[in-house]
Amino acid sequence: MKKLVLVLFVGLLGFTMTAQDKAAKIEFKSETIDYGTIEKGSDGVRVFEFTNTGDAPLIVSDVKSSCGCTIPKKPDAPIMPGETGEIQVKYDTNRVNPIRKAITVISNADTPTVVLKITGEVVNPDGK
């Protein structure tokens, strides 16, 4: 009986260890988007593309911006291994100034927190 319990315990331990080896991995095409010089009121939407290069479903649980002028949108569904997803970012281009913002992505990936950046400058087309 002791041998049976020992064999079951070792088998369960081995199964648990192999199950823990599976992890989602998030790999961004680029972690920085440069808007360049854009005019006031122009389209402020940009997209960060990523791939789940791991072997478990990737769940993006939260996406936060460093200020209220930048609104990020996360994917609703899990991203399966090998599939791609995107994080959409909308910057308020009615603010004339340089763009230097950070977007924090939180997920179940092996690197659970990734900081993305947007840069550029919004200018007034009439120079005022």
Protein backbone atom coordinates (compact mmCIF):
# COMPACT_ATOMS: atom_id res chain seq x y z
CA MET A 1 0.00 0.00 0.00
CA LYS A 2 2.85 2.39 0.84
CA LYS A 3 4.42 1.72 -2.57
CA LEU A 4 1.13 2.49 -4.33
CA VAL A 5 0.78 5.79 -2.48
CA LEU A 6 4.41 6.65 -3.25
CA VAL A 7 3.97 5.85 -6.96
CA LEU A 8 0.77 7.95 -7.15
CA PHE A 9 2.47 10.85 -5.34
CA VAL A 10 5.52 10.78 -7.65
CA GLY A 11 3.24 10.53 -10.70
CA LEU A 12 1.14 13.48 -9.55
CA LEU A 13 4.26 15.50 -8.77
CA GLY A 14 5.67 14.80 -12.24
CA PHE A 15 2.39 15.77 -13.91
CA THR A 16 2.23 19.01 -11.92
CA MET A 17 5.79 19.92 -12.86
CA THR A 18 5.20 19.37 -16.59
CA ALA A 19 1.95 21.36 -16.43
CA GLN A 20 3.82 24.25 -14.84
CA ASP A 21 6.39 24.25 -17.64
CA LYS A 22 3.77 25.55 -20.05
CA ALA A 23 3.68 29.32 -20.14
CA ALA A 24 2.38 32.08 -22.34
CA LYS A 25 4.98 34.42 -23.82
CA ILE A 26 4.18 37.85 -25.21
CA GLU A 27 6.42 39.15 -27.98
CA PHE A 28 5.72 42.59 -29.41
CA LYS A 29 6.58 43.50 -32.99
CA SER A 30 7.79 46.80 -31.53
CA GLU A 31 7.58 48.18 -27.99
CA THR A 32 7.69 51.81 -29.19
CA ILE A 33 5.50 53.63 -31.68
CA ASP A 34 6.74 56.96 -33.02
CA TYR A 35 3.87 59.13 -34.22
CA GLY A 36 6.40 61.46 -35.78
CA THR A 37 5.13 65.02 -36.26
CA ILE A 38 1.37 65.05 -36.64
CA GLU A 39 -1.14 67.88 -36.89
CA LYS A 40 -3.56 68.85 -34.17
CA GLY A 41 -6.85 66.95 -34.52
CA SER A 42 -5.43 64.17 -36.71
CA ASP A 43 -6.04 60.46 -36.15
CA GLY A 44 -4.38 59.44 -32.87
CA VAL A 45 -5.05 55.70 -33.10
CA ARG A 46 -2.07 53.35 -33.34
CA VAL A 47 -1.73 49.59 -32.80
CA PHE A 48 0.90 47.52 -30.99
CA GLU A 49 0.97 44.02 -32.51
CA PHE A 50 2.12 41.02 -30.50
CA THR A 51 2.37 37.23 -30.78
CA ASN A 52 1.94 34.56 -28.14
CA THR A 53 5.18 32.62 -28.68
CA GLY A 54 4.55 30.42 -25.64
CA ASP A 55 2.69 27.14 -25.32
CA ALA A 56 -0.24 28.26 -23.14
CA PRO A 57 -3.10 30.71 -23.78
CA LEU A 58 -2.12 34.36 -23.21
CA ILE A 59 -4.55 36.47 -21.21
CA VAL A 60 -4.03 40.24 -21.16
CA SER A 61 -5.67 41.17 -17.87
CA ASP A 62 -5.06 44.93 -17.83
CA VAL A 63 -3.66 47.77 -19.91
CA LYS A 64 -2.99 51.15 -18.26
CA SER A 65 -1.82 54.48 -19.60
CA SER A 66 0.47 56.97 -17.87
CA CYS A 67 -2.15 59.73 -18.36
CA GLY A 68 -5.76 60.35 -19.35
CA CYS A 69 -4.78 61.67 -22.80
CA THR A 70 -3.95 58.13 -23.93
CA ILE A 71 -6.64 55.45 -24.01
CA PRO A 72 -5.45 51.85 -24.51
CA LYS A 73 -7.72 48.95 -25.46
CA LYS A 74 -6.81 45.34 -24.66
CA PRO A 75 -7.97 42.17 -26.41
CA ASP A 76 -11.07 40.59 -24.81
CA ALA A 77 -10.34 36.94 -25.63
CA PRO A 78 -7.27 34.84 -24.78
CA ILE A 79 -4.59 34.68 -27.47
CA MET A 80 -3.75 31.06 -28.23
CA PRO A 81 -0.14 29.87 -28.77
CA GLY A 82 1.14 31.04 -32.16
CA GLU A 83 -1.68 33.55 -32.63
CA THR A 84 -1.34 37.32 -32.84
CA GLY A 85 -3.21 40.05 -31.03
CA GLU A 86 -3.15 43.80 -30.74
CA ILE A 87 -3.34 46.59 -28.22
CA GLN A 88 -4.95 49.68 -29.65
CA VAL A 89 -3.85 53.07 -28.31
CA LYS A 90 -5.69 56.33 -28.93
CA TYR A 91 -3.84 59.55 -28.16
CA ASP A 92 -5.75 62.86 -27.84
CA THR A 93 -4.25 64.86 -30.71
CA ASN A 94 -6.04 68.04 -29.66
CA ARG A 95 -3.16 68.68 -27.26
CA VAL A 96 -0.33 70.52 -29.00
CA ASN A 97 2.88 69.26 -27.39
CA PRO A 98 5.48 66.50 -27.52
CA ILE A 99 4.20 62.95 -26.96
CA ARG A 100 6.08 60.87 -24.37
CA LYS A 101 3.67 58.36 -22.84
CA ALA A 102 3.89 54.85 -21.39
CA ILE A 103 1.35 52.03 -21.61
CA THR A 104 1.68 49.20 -19.08
CA VAL A 105 0.49 45.76 -20.21
CA ILE A 106 -0.26 43.15 -17.53
CA SER A 107 -0.77 39.51 -18.55
CA ASN A 108 -0.19 35.91 -17.52
CA ALA A 109 2.96 35.73 -19.68
CA ASP A 110 6.32 34.59 -18.33
CA THR A 111 7.14 38.33 -18.25
CA PRO A 112 3.89 39.55 -16.68
CA THR A 113 4.48 43.30 -17.08
CA VAL A 114 5.61 45.03 -20.27
CA VAL A 115 5.88 48.80 -20.71
CA LEU A 116 5.16 50.13 -24.21
CA LYS A 117 5.97 53.68 -25.30
CA ILE A 118 4.53 56.22 -27.70
CA THR A 119 6.52 59.23 -28.85
CA GLY A 120 6.11 62.06 -31.31
CA GLU A 121 4.87 65.62 -31.46
CA VAL A 122 1.51 67.23 -32.13
CA VAL A 123 1.80 70.59 -33.89
CA ASN A 124 -0.76 73.25 -34.76
CA PRO A 125 -1.08 73.45 -38.57
CA ASP A 126 -1.48 77.25 -38.55
CA GLY A 127 1.51 77.73 -36.25
CA LYS A 128 -0.45 79.20 -33.34
